[in-house]
PDB file of N, CA and C in Angstrom:
ATOM      1  N   MET A   1     134.522  61.343 104.190  1.00  0.00           N
ATOM      2  CA  MET A   1     135.361  62.483 105.355  1.00  0.00           C
ATOM      3  C   MET A   1     135.898  63.498 104.393  1.00  0.00           C
ATOM      4  N   ILE A   2     135.984  64.146 104.829  1.00  0.00           N
ATOM      5  CA  ILE A   2     136.326  65.715 104.222  1.00  0.00           C
ATOM      6  C   ILE A   2     137.126  66.366 104.814  1.00  0.00           C
ATOM      7  N   SER A   3     138.252  66.827 104.017  1.00  0.00           N
ATOM      8  CA  SER A   3     139.435  67.129 104.915  1.00  0.00           C
ATOM      9  C   SER A   3     139.815  68.303 104.889  1.00  0.00           C
ATOM     10  N   PRO A   4     139.951  69.918 105.795  1.00  0.00           N
ATOM     11  CA  PRO A   4     140.441  71.051 105.441  1.00  0.00           C
ATOM     12  C   PRO A   4     140.608  71.476 104.222  1.00  0.00           C
ATOM     13  N   ARG A   5     141.394  71.085 103.618  1.00  0.00           N
ATOM     14  CA  ARG A   5     142.011  71.556 101.831  1.00  0.00           C
ATOM     15  C   ARG A   5     141.146  71.462 101.282  1.00  0.00           C
ATOM     16  N   GLU A   6     139.979  70.483 101.753  1.00  0.00           N
ATOM     17  CA  GLU A   6     138.435  70.869 100.391  1.00  0.00           C
ATOM     18  C   GLU A   6     137.431  72.172 100.489  1.00  0.00           C
ATOM     19  N   LEU A   7     137.621  72.439 101.503  1.00  0.00           N
ATOM     20  CA  LEU A   7     137.115  73.681 102.598  1.00  0.00           C
ATOM     21  C   LEU A   7     137.567  75.033 101.688  1.00  0.00           C
ATOM     22  N   PRO A   8     136.095  75.438 101.323  1.00  0.00           N
ATOM     23  CA  PRO A   8     136.134  76.992 100.129  1.00  0.00           C
ATOM     24  C   PRO A   8     137.620  78.370 101.156  1.00  0.00           C
ATOM     25  N   PRO A   9     138.215  78.719 101.088  1.00  0.00           N
ATOM     26  CA  PRO A   9     139.500  79.734 102.251  1.00  0.00           C
ATOM     27  C   PRO A   9     138.327  80.226 103.746  1.00  0.00           C
ATOM     28  N   HIS A  10     137.049  80.762 102.723  1.00  0.00           N
ATOM     29  CA  HIS A  10     136.205  81.589 104.017  1.00  0.00           C
ATOM     30  C   HIS A  10     135.567  81.029 105.059  1.00  0.00           C
ATOM     31  N   PHE A  11     136.012  79.430 105.031  1.00  0.00           N
ATOM     32  CA  PHE A  11     134.907  78.748 106.300  1.00  0.00           C
ATOM     33  C   PHE A  11     136.179  78.603 106.952  1.00  0.00           C
ATOM     34  N   LEU A  12     137.734  79.114 106.883  1.00  0.00           N
ATOM     35  CA  LEU A  12     138.804  78.373 107.885  1.00  0.00           C
ATOM     36  C   LEU A  12     139.580  79.494 108.269  1.00  0.00           C
ATOM     37  N   PRO A  13     139.970  79.287 109.312  1.00  0.00           N
ATOM     38  CA  PRO A  13     139.909  80.518 110.503  1.00  0.00           C
ATOM     39  C   PRO A  13     140.568  81.586 110.274  1.00  0.00           C
ATOM     40  N   GLU A  14     140.986  82.579 110.619  1.00  0.00           N
ATOM     41  CA  GLU A  14     142.437  83.914 110.120  1.00  0.00           C
ATOM     42  C   GLU A  14     143.240  83.474 111.258  1.00  0.00           C
ATOM     43  N   GLN A  15     144.675  83.800 111.440  1.00  0.00           N
ATOM     44  CA  GLN A  15     145.879  84.008 111.350  1.00  0.00           C
ATOM     45  C   GLN A  15     145.207  85.338 112.040  1.00  0.00           C
ATOM     46  N   GLU A  16     146.684  86.593 112.198  1.00  0.00           N
ATOM     47  CA  GLU A  16     146.760  87.461 112.431  1.00  0.00           C
ATOM     48  C   GLU A  16     146.738  88.033 111.340  1.00  0.00           C
ATOM     49  N   GLY A  17     146.433  88.812 110.678  1.00  0.00           N
ATOM     50  CA  GLY A  17     146.801  89.791 108.955  1.00  0.00           C
ATOM     51  C   GLY A  17     146.756  89.060 108.223  1.00  0.00           C
ATOM     52  N   GLY A  18     144.871  87.799 108.464  1.00  0.00           N
ATOM     53  CA  GLY A  18     144.048  87.887 107.918  1.00  0.00           C
ATOM     54  C   GLY A  18     144.094  86.298 106.535  1.00  0.00           C
ATOM     55  N   GLU A  19     145.997  86.052 107.405  1.00  0.00           N
ATOM     56  CA  GLU A  19     145.816  84.915 106.516  1.00  0.00           C
ATOM     57  C   GLU A  19     145.005  83.723 106.595  1.00  0.00           C
ATOM     58  N   ARG A  20     144.523  82.575 106.043  1.00  0.00           N
ATOM     59  CA  ARG A  20     143.542  81.930 106.630  1.00  0.00           C
ATOM     60  C   ARG A  20     144.493  80.509 107.107  1.00  0.00           C
ATOM     61  N   ILE A  21     143.945  79.224 107.696  1.00  0.00           N
ATOM     62  CA  ILE A  21     145.157  79.152 107.942  1.00  0.00           C
ATOM     63  C   ILE A  21     144.191  76.997 108.159  1.00  0.00           C
ATOM     64  N   LEU A  22     144.690  76.286 108.247  1.00  0.00           N
ATOM     65  CA  LEU A  22     143.402  74.647 108.624  1.00  0.00           C
ATOM     66  C   LEU A  22     144.033  74.313 110.194  1.00  0.00           C
ATOM     67  N   PRO A  23     143.189  74.302 109.681  1.00  0.00           N
ATOM     68  CA  PRO A  23     142.531  73.582 111.485  1.00  0.00           C
ATOM     69  C   PRO A  23     143.457  72.410 111.721  1.00  0.00           C
ATOM     70  N   ASP A  24     143.621  72.262 113.016  1.00  0.00           N
ATOM     71  CA  ASP A  24     144.090  69.767 113.439  1.00  0.00           C
ATOM     72  C   ASP A  24     143.602  69.626 112.197  1.00  0.00           C
ATOM     73  N   ARG A  25     144.618  68.232 111.758  1.00  0.00           N
ATOM     74  CA  ARG A  25     143.187  67.481 111.804  1.00  0.00           C
ATOM     75  C   ARG A  25     142.858  66.062 112.334  1.00  0.00           C
ATOM     76  N   GLY A  26     143.111  66.522 113.520  1.00  0.00           N
ATOM     77  CA  GLY A  26     142.561  66.315 114.487  1.00  0.00           C
ATOM     78  C   GLY A  26     140.499  66.495 114.622  1.00  0.00           C
ATOM     79  N   TRP A  27     140.268  67.935 113.688  1.00  0.00           N
ATOM     80  CA  TRP A  27     138.606  68.128 113.900  1.00  0.00           C
ATOM     81  C   TRP A  27     137.957  67.240 113.115  1.00  0.00           C
ATOM     82  N   THR A  28     136.838  67.193 113.513  1.00  0.00           N
ATOM     83  CA  THR A  28     135.519  66.363 113.438  1.00  0.00           C
ATOM     84  C   THR A  28     135.284  66.984 111.795  1.00  0.00           C
ATOM     85  N   LEU A  29     133.987  66.246 111.539  1.00  0.00           N
ATOM     86  CA  LEU A  29     132.922  66.763 110.898  1.00  0.00           C
ATOM     87  C   LEU A  29     132.473  67.570 111.576  1.00  0.00           C
ATOM     88  N   ARG A  30     132.095  67.444 112.448  1.00  0.00           N
ATOM     89  CA  ARG A  30     131.240  68.032 113.596  1.00  0.00           C
ATOM     90  C   ARG A  30     131.865  69.481 113.972  1.00  0.00           C
ATOM     91  N   ASP A  31     133.007  70.030 114.350  1.00  0.00           N
ATOM     92  CA  ASP A  31     134.263  70.366 114.617  1.00  0.00           C
ATOM     93  C   ASP A  31     134.222  71.499 113.696  1.00  0.00           C
ATOM     94  N   MET A  32     134.055  71.059 112.283  1.00  0.00           N
ATOM     95  CA  MET A  32     134.377  71.969 111.181  1.00  0.00           C
ATOM     96  C   MET A  32     133.326  72.152 110.480  1.00  0.00           C
ATOM     97  N   GLU A  33     131.949  71.930 110.717  1.00  0.00           N
ATOM     98  CA  GLU A  33     130.933  72.539 111.026  1.00  0.00           C
ATOM     99  C   GLU A  33     130.267  73.444 111.977  1.00  0.00           C
ATOM    100  N   ARG A  34     130.761  73.057 112.728  1.00  0.00           N
ATOM    101  CA  ARG A  34     130.529  74.151 114.211  1.00  0.00           C
ATOM    102  C   ARG A  34     131.551  75.224 113.279  1.00  0.00           C
ATOM    103  N   GLU A  35     132.823  75.427 113.304  1.00  0.00           N
ATOM    104  CA  GLU A  35     133.850  76.667 113.307  1.00  0.00           C
ATOM    105  C   GLU A  35     132.919  77.265 111.982  1.00  0.00           C
ATOM    106  N   MET A  36     132.480  76.754 111.200  1.00  0.00           N
ATOM    107  CA  MET A  36     132.116  77.429 109.383  1.00  0.00           C
ATOM    108  C   MET A  36     130.983  77.980 110.152  1.00  0.00           C
ATOM    109  N   ILE A  37     130.170  77.093 110.874  1.00  0.00           N
ATOM    110  CA  ILE A  37     128.845  78.336 111.122  1.00  0.00           C
ATOM    111  C   ILE A  37     128.958  78.908 111.837  1.00  0.00           C
ATOM    112  N   ARG A  38     130.183  79.424 112.836  1.00  0.00           N
ATOM    113  CA  ARG A  38     130.322  80.191 113.498  1.00  0.00           C
ATOM    114  C   ARG A  38     131.377  81.702 113.226  1.00  0.00           C
ATOM    115  N   SER A  39     132.134  81.071 112.167  1.00  0.00           N
ATOM    116  CA  SER A  39     132.629  81.902 111.426  1.00  0.00           C
ATOM    117  C   SER A  39     131.663  82.828 110.427  1.00  0.00           C
ATOM    118  N   MET A  40     130.942  81.480 109.883  1.00  0.00           N
ATOM    119  CA  MET A  40     129.743  82.707 108.520  1.00  0.00           C
ATOM    120  C   MET A  40     129.582  83.708 109.879  1.00  0.00           C
ATOM    121  N   LEU A  41     128.987  83.379 110.112  1.00  0.00           N
ATOM    122  CA  LEU A  41     127.769  84.595 111.207  1.00  0.00           C
ATOM    123  C   LEU A  41     127.957  85.473 112.221  1.00  0.00           C
ATOM    124  N   GLN A  42     129.599  85.361 112.596  1.00  0.00           N
ATOM    125  CA  GLN A  42     130.523  85.941 112.485  1.00  0.00           C
ATOM    126  C   GLN A  42     130.217  86.907 111.743  1.00  0.00           C
ATOM    127  N   GLU A  43     130.868  86.516 110.415  1.00  0.00           N
ATOM    128  CA  GLU A  43     131.144  86.827 108.976  1.00  0.00           C
ATOM    129  C   GLU A  43     129.846  88.272 108.833  1.00  0.00           C
ATOM    130  N   THR A  44     128.805  87.612 108.910  1.00  0.00           N
ATOM    131  CA  THR A  44     127.763  87.888 108.551  1.00  0.00           C
ATOM    132  C   THR A  44     126.747  88.858 109.463  1.00  0.00           C
ATOM    133  N   ASN A  45     127.461  88.946 110.473  1.00  0.00           N
ATOM    134  CA  ASN A  45     126.674  88.879 111.853  1.00  0.00           C
ATOM    135  C   ASN A  45     124.365  89.130 111.259  1.00  0.00           C
ATOM    136  N   ASN A  46     124.240  87.926 110.874  1.00  0.00           N
ATOM    137  CA  ASN A  46     122.964  87.425 110.323  1.00  0.00           C
ATOM    138  C   ASN A  46     122.562  86.455 109.864  1.00  0.00           C
ATOM    139  N   LYS A  47     121.416  86.094 110.610  1.00  0.00           N
ATOM    140  CA  LYS A  47     121.515  84.352 110.396  1.00  0.00           C
ATOM    141  C   LYS A  47     120.624  84.011 108.661  1.00  0.00           C
ATOM    142  N   SER A  48     120.215  85.168 108.549  1.00  0.00           N
ATOM    143  CA  SER A  48     119.694  84.721 107.422  1.00  0.00           C
ATOM    144  C   SER A  48     120.658  84.992 107.021  1.00  0.00           C
ATOM    145  N   LEU A  49     121.132  85.471 106.178  1.00  0.00           N
ATOM    146  CA  LEU A  49     122.413  85.584 105.391  1.00  0.00           C
ATOM    147  C   LEU A  49     123.707  84.416 105.593  1.00  0.00           C
ATOM    148  N   THR A  50     123.197  84.365 106.505  1.00  0.00           N
ATOM    149  CA  THR A  50     125.004  83.142 106.795  1.00  0.00           C
ATOM    150  C   THR A  50     123.737  81.866 106.615  1.00  0.00           C
ATOM    151  N   ALA A  51     122.436  81.403 106.276  1.00  0.00           N
ATOM    152  CA  ALA A  51     122.471  80.048 105.808  1.00  0.00           C
ATOM    153  C   ALA A  51     122.573  79.767 103.972  1.00  0.00           C
ATOM    154  N   LYS A  52     121.263  81.114 103.792  1.00  0.00           N
ATOM    155  CA  LYS A  52     121.847  81.291 102.668  1.00  0.00           C
ATOM    156  C   LYS A  52     123.356  81.387 102.239  1.00  0.00           C
ATOM    157  N   LYS A  53     124.818  82.133 102.519  1.00  0.00           N
ATOM    158  CA  LYS A  53     125.705  81.391 101.861  1.00  0.00           C
ATOM    159  C   LYS A  53     126.093  80.222 102.175  1.00  0.00           C
ATOM    160  N   LEU A  54     125.496  79.450 103.785  1.00  0.00           N
ATOM    161  CA  LEU A  54     125.749  78.319 103.795  1.00  0.00           C
ATOM    162  C   LEU A  54     125.516  77.319 102.830  1.00  0.00           C
ATOM    163  N   GLY A  55     124.289  77.433 102.332  1.00  0.00           N
ATOM    164  CA  GLY A  55     123.383  76.571 101.401  1.00  0.00           C
ATOM    165  C   GLY A  55     122.205  76.112 101.636  1.00  0.00           C
ATOM    166  N   ILE A  56     121.992  76.167 102.990  1.00  0.00           N
ATOM    167  CA  ILE A  56     121.107  75.461 104.298  1.00  0.00           C
ATOM    168  C   ILE A  56     119.844  76.585 104.551  1.00  0.00           C
ATOM    169  N   ALA A  57     118.986  75.292 105.133  1.00  0.00           N
ATOM    170  CA  ALA A  57     117.557  76.283 105.414  1.00  0.00           C
ATOM    171  C   ALA A  57     117.988  76.995 106.634  1.00  0.00           C
ATOM    172  N   ARG A  58     117.255  78.332 106.857  1.00  0.00           N
ATOM    173  CA  ARG A  58     116.753  79.028 108.316  1.00  0.00           C
ATOM    174  C   ARG A  58     116.844  78.340 109.785  1.00  0.00           C
ATOM    175  N   GLN A  59     116.487  77.710 109.474  1.00  0.00           N
ATOM    176  CA  GLN A  59     115.556  77.468 110.528  1.00  0.00           C
ATOM    177  C   GLN A  59     116.814  75.685 110.861  1.00  0.00           C
ATOM    178  N   THR A  60     117.233  74.839 109.561  1.00  0.00           N
ATOM    179  CA  THR A  60     118.537  74.206 109.648  1.00  0.00           C
ATOM    180  C   THR A  60     119.508  74.643 110.522  1.00  0.00           C
ATOM    181  N   LEU A  61     119.829  75.754 109.939  1.00  0.00           N
ATOM    182  CA  LEU A  61     120.125  77.155 111.102  1.00  0.00           C
ATOM    183  C   LEU A  61     120.285  77.447 112.813  1.00  0.00           C
ATOM    184  N   ILE A  62     119.011  77.501 112.976  1.00  0.00           N
ATOM    185  CA  ILE A  62     118.491  77.876 114.623  1.00  0.00           C
ATOM    186  C   ILE A  62     119.312  76.495 114.999  1.00  0.00           C
ATOM    187  N   ASN A  63     118.745  75.355 114.140  1.00  0.00           N
ATOM    188  CA  ASN A  63     118.803  73.913 114.815  1.00  0.00           C
ATOM    189  C   ASN A  63     119.363  74.032 115.196  1.00  0.00           C
ATOM    190  N   LYS A  64     121.208  73.983 113.765  1.00  0.00           N
ATOM    191  CA  LYS A  64     122.198  74.283 114.349  1.00  0.00           C
ATOM    192  C   LYS A  64     122.721  75.013 115.018  1.00  0.00           C
ATOM    193  N   LEU A  65     122.003  76.956 115.422  1.00  0.00           N
ATOM    194  CA  LEU A  65     122.516  77.175 116.351  1.00  0.00           C
ATOM    195  C   LEU A  65     123.045  76.745 118.003  1.00  0.00           C
ATOM    196  N   LYS A  66     121.712  76.044 118.324  1.00  0.00           N
ATOM    197  CA  LYS A  66     120.920  75.351 119.253  1.00  0.00           C
ATOM    198  C   LYS A  66     122.158  74.757 119.917  1.00  0.00           C
ATOM    199  N   GLU A  67     122.336  72.854 118.835  1.00  0.00           N
ATOM    200  CA  GLU A  67     123.131  72.003 118.985  1.00  0.00           C
ATOM    201  C   GLU A  67     125.274  72.459 119.160  1.00  0.00           C
ATOM    202  N   TYR A  68     125.038  73.742 118.544  1.00  0.00           N
ATOM    203  CA  TYR A  68     126.754  73.960 119.404  1.00  0.00           C
ATOM    204  C   TYR A  68     126.656  75.123 120.423  1.00  0.00           C
ATOM    205  N   ASP A  69     125.460  75.009 120.622  1.00  0.00           N
ATOM    206  CA  ASP A  69     125.515  76.486 122.250  1.00  0.00           C
ATOM    207  C   ASP A  69     126.282  77.598 121.244  1.00  0.00           C
ATOM    208  N   LEU A  70     125.831  78.386 119.982  1.00  0.00           N
ATOM    209  CA  LEU A  70     126.195  79.027 119.861  1.00  0.00           C
ATOM    210  C   LEU A  70     125.796  80.670 120.071  1.00  0.00           C
TER     211      LEU A  70
END
């Protein structure tokens, strides 16, 4: 199991003022993956760059976007 503390800071949601916060311990791996994808896509506004930064194939990202309804 991966805990939020093991994630790089850019995968964590921001509070006001840009400070990163850890998600509740009740988050599942699926919840964290969805948030990581959503956050990175919002940051880059580019699917190819998002996939590259996440270390996954673009098609995998597209499949995840459909799976998570993003």
